[in-house]
Amino acid sequence: MTISPTTSFPTEAHAQEHLEGLLEDGHDKDEMQEFIETHGAKDFVCYYEDYARMVDEYDQETVDAFLEVFDMMDVEHLNDAYYGRYDSGAEFAQNMVSDMGYVHDDLPYWIEIDWEKTWENLSYDYSESNGFIFTNNW
């Protein structure tokens, strides 16, 4: 049976069956139970494997920041959405503009750029959570 977010099934029983299968594959029981308590049995069945893969590939803090902005059903897109960690959206904007070659390090000292305003302009396409930057368009 294929499971999707719209599938109707006895949630707890199916989650327990899924948990037992993942235990055989080497997943940690406590981590899975914590996920179920936090996100629910249906999300566990539908998204836990993608979630666990992203935690392994990045770390818990990055995945948590992503989930503050996006839904659990989007967790598989973390690879495409993640742009790094910065002290602020303004720092990301400065880094991005510099990397694109629009601003050079050898500008005269008297030129001032409003990186906060630049971040505001970019925030239509990017989101920030706890210093983590994600594109909204994967």
N, C-alpha and C. Protein backbone atom coordinates (compact mmCIF):
# COMPACT_ATOMS: atom_id res chain seq x y z
N MET A 1 0.84 -1.17 0.00
CA MET A 1 0.00 0.00 0.00
C MET A 1 0.89 1.24 0.00
N THR A 2 0.56 2.21 -0.82
CA THR A 2 1.26 3.48 -0.88
C THR A 2 0.63 4.43 0.12
N ILE A 3 1.47 5.08 0.91
CA ILE A 3 0.98 6.01 1.93
C ILE A 3 1.25 7.44 1.47
N SER A 4 0.25 8.26 1.55
CA SER A 4 0.40 9.68 1.25
C SER A 4 -0.33 10.46 2.34
N PRO A 5 -0.15 11.77 2.36
CA PRO A 5 -0.82 12.55 3.41
C PRO A 5 -2.34 12.44 3.39
N THR A 6 -2.91 12.05 2.27
CA THR A 6 -4.37 11.95 2.19
C THR A 6 -4.88 10.53 2.40
N THR A 7 -3.97 9.57 2.58
CA THR A 7 -4.37 8.19 2.80
C THR A 7 -5.09 8.05 4.14
N SER A 8 -6.17 7.30 4.13
CA SER A 8 -6.91 7.04 5.36
C SER A 8 -6.50 5.66 5.86
N PHE A 9 -6.07 5.56 7.11
CA PHE A 9 -5.68 4.28 7.68
C PHE A 9 -5.73 4.39 9.20
N PRO A 10 -5.76 3.25 9.87
CA PRO A 10 -5.70 3.29 11.34
C PRO A 10 -4.32 3.79 11.78
N THR A 11 -4.21 5.05 12.04
CA THR A 11 -2.95 5.76 12.23
C THR A 11 -2.01 5.09 13.22
N GLU A 12 -2.46 4.85 14.43
CA GLU A 12 -1.58 4.31 15.46
C GLU A 12 -1.06 2.92 15.10
N ALA A 13 -1.94 2.08 14.60
CA ALA A 13 -1.52 0.71 14.24
C ALA A 13 -0.54 0.74 13.09
N HIS A 14 -0.81 1.54 12.11
CA HIS A 14 0.08 1.63 10.96
C HIS A 14 1.42 2.25 11.35
N ALA A 15 1.39 3.25 12.22
CA ALA A 15 2.63 3.87 12.70
C ALA A 15 3.47 2.85 13.46
N GLN A 16 2.83 2.03 14.29
CA GLN A 16 3.56 1.01 15.04
C GLN A 16 4.21 0.00 14.10
N GLU A 17 3.48 -0.40 13.08
CA GLU A 17 4.01 -1.33 12.08
C GLU A 17 5.20 -0.70 11.36
N HIS A 18 5.08 0.56 11.00
CA HIS A 18 6.15 1.28 10.32
C HIS A 18 7.37 1.42 11.23
N LEU A 19 7.13 1.74 12.50
CA LEU A 19 8.20 1.87 13.47
C LEU A 19 8.97 0.56 13.59
N GLU A 20 8.26 -0.54 13.68
CA GLU A 20 8.92 -1.85 13.81
C GLU A 20 9.77 -2.16 12.58
N GLY A 21 9.28 -1.80 11.40
CA GLY A 21 10.07 -2.01 10.18
C GLY A 21 11.32 -1.15 10.17
N LEU A 22 11.21 0.08 10.63
CA LEU A 22 12.37 0.97 10.67
C LEU A 22 13.37 0.55 11.74
N LEU A 23 12.87 -0.03 12.83
CA LEU A 23 13.78 -0.56 13.86
C LEU A 23 14.66 -1.64 13.26
N GLU A 24 14.07 -2.49 12.43
CA GLU A 24 14.84 -3.55 11.76
C GLU A 24 15.90 -2.97 10.84
N ASP A 25 15.64 -1.78 10.31
CA ASP A 25 16.60 -1.11 9.42
C ASP A 25 17.65 -0.32 10.19
N GLY A 26 17.56 -0.32 11.54
CA GLY A 26 18.58 0.33 12.35
C GLY A 26 18.25 1.72 12.85
N HIS A 27 17.03 2.17 12.67
CA HIS A 27 16.65 3.49 13.20
C HIS A 27 16.50 3.43 14.71
N ASP A 28 16.72 4.55 15.37
CA ASP A 28 16.67 4.65 16.82
C ASP A 28 15.22 4.77 17.30
N LYS A 29 14.82 3.87 18.20
CA LYS A 29 13.45 3.83 18.69
C LYS A 29 13.06 5.11 19.42
N ASP A 30 13.95 5.61 20.29
CA ASP A 30 13.64 6.82 21.05
C ASP A 30 13.44 8.03 20.13
N GLU A 31 14.27 8.15 19.11
CA GLU A 31 14.13 9.25 18.15
C GLU A 31 12.81 9.15 17.40
N MET A 32 12.44 7.94 17.02
CA MET A 32 11.18 7.76 16.29
C MET A 32 9.99 8.08 17.19
N GLN A 33 10.03 7.63 18.44
CA GLN A 33 8.93 7.91 19.35
C GLN A 33 8.82 9.41 19.65
N GLU A 34 9.94 10.07 19.77
CA GLU A 34 9.92 11.52 19.98
C GLU A 34 9.31 12.22 18.76
N PHE A 35 9.65 11.75 17.57
CA PHE A 35 9.07 12.32 16.35
C PHE A 35 7.55 12.15 16.36
N ILE A 36 7.09 10.96 16.71
CA ILE A 36 5.65 10.69 16.75
C ILE A 36 4.96 11.60 17.75
N GLU A 37 5.55 11.77 18.93
CA GLU A 37 4.97 12.65 19.96
C GLU A 37 4.92 14.10 19.49
N THR A 38 5.94 14.52 18.77
CA THR A 38 6.03 15.92 18.32
C THR A 38 5.19 16.19 17.08
N HIS A 39 5.25 15.28 16.10
CA HIS A 39 4.66 15.55 14.79
C HIS A 39 3.44 14.69 14.46
N GLY A 40 3.22 13.65 15.24
CA GLY A 40 2.06 12.81 15.01
C GLY A 40 2.38 11.55 14.22
N ALA A 41 1.48 10.58 14.36
CA ALA A 41 1.68 9.27 13.73
C ALA A 41 1.60 9.33 12.21
N LYS A 42 0.69 10.12 11.69
CA LYS A 42 0.54 10.18 10.23
C LYS A 42 1.78 10.79 9.58
N ASP A 43 2.31 11.88 10.16
CA ASP A 43 3.56 12.45 9.63
C ASP A 43 4.72 11.47 9.77
N PHE A 44 4.69 10.68 10.84
CA PHE A 44 5.73 9.67 11.01
C PHE A 44 5.72 8.69 9.85
N VAL A 45 4.56 8.19 9.51
CA VAL A 45 4.44 7.21 8.43
C VAL A 45 4.81 7.84 7.09
N CYS A 46 4.37 9.06 6.87
CA CYS A 46 4.55 9.71 5.57
C CYS A 46 5.94 10.33 5.38
N TYR A 47 6.54 10.87 6.45
CA TYR A 47 7.72 11.72 6.25
C TYR A 47 8.95 11.38 7.09
N TYR A 48 8.84 10.44 8.01
CA TYR A 48 9.96 10.21 8.92
C TYR A 48 11.26 9.86 8.20
N GLU A 49 11.20 9.04 7.20
CA GLU A 49 12.44 8.62 6.54
C GLU A 49 13.14 9.81 5.87
N ASP A 50 12.38 10.69 5.23
CA ASP A 50 12.97 11.90 4.65
C ASP A 50 13.54 12.79 5.75
N TYR A 51 12.78 12.94 6.82
CA TYR A 51 13.21 13.74 7.97
C TYR A 51 14.53 13.21 8.54
N ALA A 52 14.59 11.91 8.79
CA ALA A 52 15.79 11.30 9.37
C ALA A 52 16.99 11.45 8.43
N ARG A 53 16.75 11.32 7.15
CA ARG A 53 17.82 11.47 6.16
C ARG A 53 18.37 12.90 6.18
N MET A 54 17.48 13.89 6.31
CA MET A 54 17.92 15.29 6.36
C MET A 54 18.67 15.58 7.66
N VAL A 55 18.23 15.01 8.78
CA VAL A 55 18.96 15.19 10.04
C VAL A 55 20.36 14.58 9.92
N ASP A 56 20.47 13.43 9.29
CA ASP A 56 21.78 12.80 9.09
C ASP A 56 22.65 13.62 8.16
N GLU A 57 22.06 14.14 7.09
CA GLU A 57 22.82 14.88 6.09
C GLU A 57 23.24 16.26 6.60
N TYR A 58 22.38 16.92 7.34
CA TYR A 58 22.67 18.26 7.88
C TYR A 58 22.86 18.11 9.38
N ASP A 59 21.90 18.51 10.16
CA ASP A 59 21.88 18.30 11.61
C ASP A 59 20.50 18.67 12.11
N GLN A 60 20.22 18.37 13.36
CA GLN A 60 18.90 18.61 13.93
C GLN A 60 18.54 20.09 13.90
N GLU A 61 19.51 20.94 14.21
CA GLU A 61 19.24 22.38 14.26
C GLU A 61 18.83 22.94 12.90
N THR A 62 19.47 22.49 11.83
CA THR A 62 19.14 22.94 10.48
C THR A 62 17.74 22.48 10.10
N VAL A 63 17.42 21.22 10.37
CA VAL A 63 16.10 20.68 10.04
C VAL A 63 15.02 21.40 10.85
N ASP A 64 15.26 21.63 12.13
CA ASP A 64 14.29 22.35 12.96
C ASP A 64 14.05 23.76 12.42
N ALA A 65 15.11 24.45 12.00
CA ALA A 65 14.96 25.80 11.44
C ALA A 65 14.13 25.74 10.15
N PHE A 66 14.39 24.75 9.32
CA PHE A 66 13.62 24.58 8.09
C PHE A 66 12.14 24.39 8.41
N LEU A 67 11.85 23.57 9.41
CA LEU A 67 10.46 23.27 9.76
C LEU A 67 9.76 24.44 10.45
N GLU A 68 10.50 25.42 10.93
CA GLU A 68 9.87 26.63 11.45
C GLU A 68 9.29 27.48 10.33
N VAL A 69 9.83 27.32 9.12
CA VAL A 69 9.38 28.10 7.97
C VAL A 69 8.45 27.29 7.07
N PHE A 70 8.78 26.03 6.88
CA PHE A 70 8.06 25.18 5.94
C PHE A 70 7.37 24.03 6.67
N ASP A 71 6.55 23.29 5.96
CA ASP A 71 5.81 22.17 6.52
C ASP A 71 6.63 20.89 6.48
N MET A 72 6.24 19.93 7.30
CA MET A 72 6.91 18.64 7.32
C MET A 72 6.88 17.99 5.94
N MET A 73 5.80 18.17 5.21
CA MET A 73 5.71 17.55 3.89
C MET A 73 6.76 18.10 2.92
N ASP A 74 7.40 19.21 3.27
CA ASP A 74 8.43 19.83 2.43
C ASP A 74 9.84 19.40 2.80
N VAL A 75 10.01 18.63 3.86
CA VAL A 75 11.35 18.33 4.39
C VAL A 75 12.25 17.68 3.33
N GLU A 76 11.69 16.97 2.38
CA GLU A 76 12.51 16.36 1.34
C GLU A 76 13.18 17.41 0.45
N HIS A 77 12.72 18.66 0.50
CA HIS A 77 13.27 19.73 -0.32
C HIS A 77 14.37 20.53 0.38
N LEU A 78 14.75 20.12 1.56
CA LEU A 78 15.79 20.84 2.30
C LEU A 78 17.06 20.98 1.47
N ASN A 79 17.47 19.95 0.77
CA ASN A 79 18.68 20.02 -0.07
C ASN A 79 18.61 21.18 -1.05
N ASP A 80 17.46 21.36 -1.66
CA ASP A 80 17.28 22.41 -2.67
C ASP A 80 17.11 23.79 -2.04
N ALA A 81 16.55 23.83 -0.84
CA ALA A 81 16.20 25.10 -0.22
C ALA A 81 17.33 25.73 0.59
N TYR A 82 18.24 24.94 1.12
CA TYR A 82 19.23 25.42 2.08
C TYR A 82 20.33 26.26 1.41
N TYR A 83 20.52 27.46 1.93
CA TYR A 83 21.55 28.36 1.40
C TYR A 83 22.64 28.67 2.41
N GLY A 84 22.58 28.12 3.60
CA GLY A 84 23.65 28.32 4.57
C GLY A 84 23.16 29.01 5.82
N ARG A 85 24.13 29.26 6.69
CA ARG A 85 23.85 29.92 7.97
C ARG A 85 24.62 31.22 8.04
N TYR A 86 23.95 32.27 8.44
CA TYR A 86 24.53 33.61 8.51
C TYR A 86 24.10 34.28 9.81
N ASP A 87 24.80 35.33 10.18
CA ASP A 87 24.43 36.07 11.38
C ASP A 87 23.12 36.82 11.21
N SER A 88 22.78 37.13 9.95
CA SER A 88 21.55 37.86 9.68
C SER A 88 21.20 37.74 8.20
N GLY A 89 19.98 38.13 7.88
CA GLY A 89 19.59 38.20 6.47
C GLY A 89 20.43 39.21 5.72
N ALA A 90 20.80 40.30 6.40
CA ALA A 90 21.64 41.32 5.78
C ALA A 90 23.02 40.76 5.40
N GLU A 91 23.59 39.93 6.28
CA GLU A 91 24.87 39.31 5.97
C GLU A 91 24.74 38.38 4.75
N PHE A 92 23.65 37.63 4.69
CA PHE A 92 23.40 36.78 3.53
C PHE A 92 23.32 37.63 2.26
N ALA A 93 22.57 38.73 2.33
CA ALA A 93 22.41 39.61 1.17
C ALA A 93 23.77 40.14 0.71
N GLN A 94 24.58 40.59 1.63
CA GLN A 94 25.91 41.11 1.28
C GLN A 94 26.76 40.02 0.64
N ASN A 95 26.74 38.85 1.22
CA ASN A 95 27.52 37.73 0.71
C ASN A 95 27.06 37.35 -0.70
N MET A 96 25.76 37.27 -0.88
CA MET A 96 25.19 36.89 -2.18
C MET A 96 25.55 37.90 -3.26
N VAL A 97 25.37 39.18 -2.96
CA VAL A 97 25.65 40.24 -3.93
C VAL A 97 27.15 40.27 -4.25
N SER A 98 27.99 40.10 -3.27
CA SER A 98 29.44 40.07 -3.49
C SER A 98 29.83 38.86 -4.33
N ASP A 99 29.27 37.68 -4.00
CA ASP A 99 29.58 36.47 -4.77
C ASP A 99 29.16 36.59 -6.23
N MET A 100 28.11 37.35 -6.50
CA MET A 100 27.64 37.55 -7.86
C MET A 100 28.48 38.58 -8.62
N GLY A 101 29.38 39.24 -7.91
CA GLY A 101 30.28 40.19 -8.56
C GLY A 101 29.73 41.59 -8.70
N TYR A 102 28.60 41.87 -8.07
CA TYR A 102 28.01 43.21 -8.19
C TYR A 102 28.72 44.24 -7.31
N VAL A 103 29.31 43.79 -6.21
CA VAL A 103 30.01 44.68 -5.29
C VAL A 103 31.41 44.11 -5.10
N HIS A 104 32.39 44.98 -5.16
CA HIS A 104 33.78 44.55 -4.99
C HIS A 104 34.30 44.99 -3.64
N ASP A 105 35.26 44.26 -3.13
CA ASP A 105 35.84 44.58 -1.83
C ASP A 105 36.62 45.89 -1.84
N ASP A 106 36.99 46.36 -3.01
CA ASP A 106 37.82 47.56 -3.09
C ASP A 106 37.02 48.85 -3.31
N LEU A 107 35.76 48.86 -2.87
CA LEU A 107 34.95 50.08 -2.96
C LEU A 107 35.54 51.13 -2.01
N PRO A 108 35.44 52.39 -2.36
CA PRO A 108 35.92 53.44 -1.45
C PRO A 108 35.15 53.40 -0.13
N TYR A 109 35.80 53.81 0.92
CA TYR A 109 35.22 53.75 2.27
C TYR A 109 33.94 54.56 2.40
N TRP A 110 33.75 55.54 1.57
CA TRP A 110 32.61 56.45 1.70
C TRP A 110 31.33 55.93 1.04
N ILE A 111 31.43 54.82 0.33
CA ILE A 111 30.23 54.21 -0.26
C ILE A 111 29.58 53.31 0.79
N GLU A 112 28.32 53.54 1.03
CA GLU A 112 27.59 52.77 2.03
C GLU A 112 26.41 52.06 1.37
N ILE A 113 26.26 50.78 1.64
CA ILE A 113 25.17 49.99 1.06
C ILE A 113 24.25 49.54 2.20
N ASP A 114 22.97 49.67 2.00
CA ASP A 114 21.99 49.28 3.01
C ASP A 114 21.66 47.79 2.83
N TRP A 115 22.38 46.94 3.56
CA TRP A 115 22.20 45.50 3.41
C TRP A 115 20.89 45.04 4.02
N GLU A 116 20.40 45.74 5.03
CA GLU A 116 19.09 45.40 5.62
C GLU A 116 17.98 45.57 4.59
N LYS A 117 18.01 46.69 3.86
CA LYS A 117 17.02 46.94 2.83
C LYS A 117 17.17 45.93 1.69
N THR A 118 18.39 45.58 1.36
CA THR A 118 18.63 44.57 0.32
C THR A 118 18.04 43.24 0.76
N TRP A 119 18.20 42.88 2.04
CA TRP A 119 17.60 41.66 2.56
C TRP A 119 16.08 41.73 2.48
N GLU A 120 15.51 42.86 2.82
CA GLU A 120 14.06 43.01 2.70
C GLU A 120 13.61 42.73 1.26
N ASN A 121 14.36 43.22 0.29
CA ASN A 121 14.03 42.97 -1.11
C ASN A 121 14.16 41.48 -1.46
N LEU A 122 15.15 40.82 -0.89
CA LEU A 122 15.36 39.39 -1.16
C LEU A 122 14.39 38.51 -0.39
N SER A 123 13.79 39.02 0.67
CA SER A 123 12.97 38.17 1.54
C SER A 123 11.68 37.69 0.87
N TYR A 124 11.39 38.16 -0.30
CA TYR A 124 10.27 37.59 -1.05
C TYR A 124 10.63 36.21 -1.59
N ASP A 125 11.92 36.01 -1.84
CA ASP A 125 12.40 34.75 -2.41
C ASP A 125 13.15 33.87 -1.41
N TYR A 126 13.50 34.43 -0.25
CA TYR A 126 14.27 33.69 0.75
C TYR A 126 13.64 33.87 2.12
N SER A 127 13.83 32.88 2.97
CA SER A 127 13.36 32.94 4.35
C SER A 127 14.53 32.69 5.29
N GLU A 128 14.45 33.28 6.48
CA GLU A 128 15.49 33.12 7.49
C GLU A 128 14.86 32.58 8.75
N SER A 129 15.52 31.61 9.38
CA SER A 129 15.09 31.08 10.65
C SER A 129 16.32 30.77 11.49
N ASN A 130 16.49 31.48 12.59
CA ASN A 130 17.63 31.28 13.49
C ASN A 130 18.97 31.34 12.77
N GLY A 131 19.07 32.23 11.77
CA GLY A 131 20.31 32.38 11.03
C GLY A 131 20.43 31.47 9.82
N PHE A 132 19.55 30.52 9.67
CA PHE A 132 19.57 29.63 8.51
C PHE A 132 18.76 30.28 7.38
N ILE A 133 19.31 30.26 6.18
CA ILE A 133 18.67 30.87 5.03
C ILE A 133 18.18 29.76 4.10
N PHE A 134 16.93 29.91 3.65
CA PHE A 134 16.32 28.95 2.73
C PHE A 134 15.66 29.69 1.59
N THR A 135 15.76 29.16 0.38
CA THR A 135 15.02 29.74 -0.72
C THR A 135 13.56 29.28 -0.62
N ASN A 136 12.66 30.13 -1.01
CA ASN A 136 11.24 29.78 -1.01
C ASN A 136 10.83 29.10 -2.32
N ASN A 137 11.77 29.01 -3.23
CA ASN A 137 11.47 28.53 -4.59
C ASN A 137 12.35 27.35 -4.97
N TRP A 138 12.03 26.21 -4.45
CA TRP A 138 12.81 25.04 -4.85
C TRP A 138 12.09 24.40 -5.98
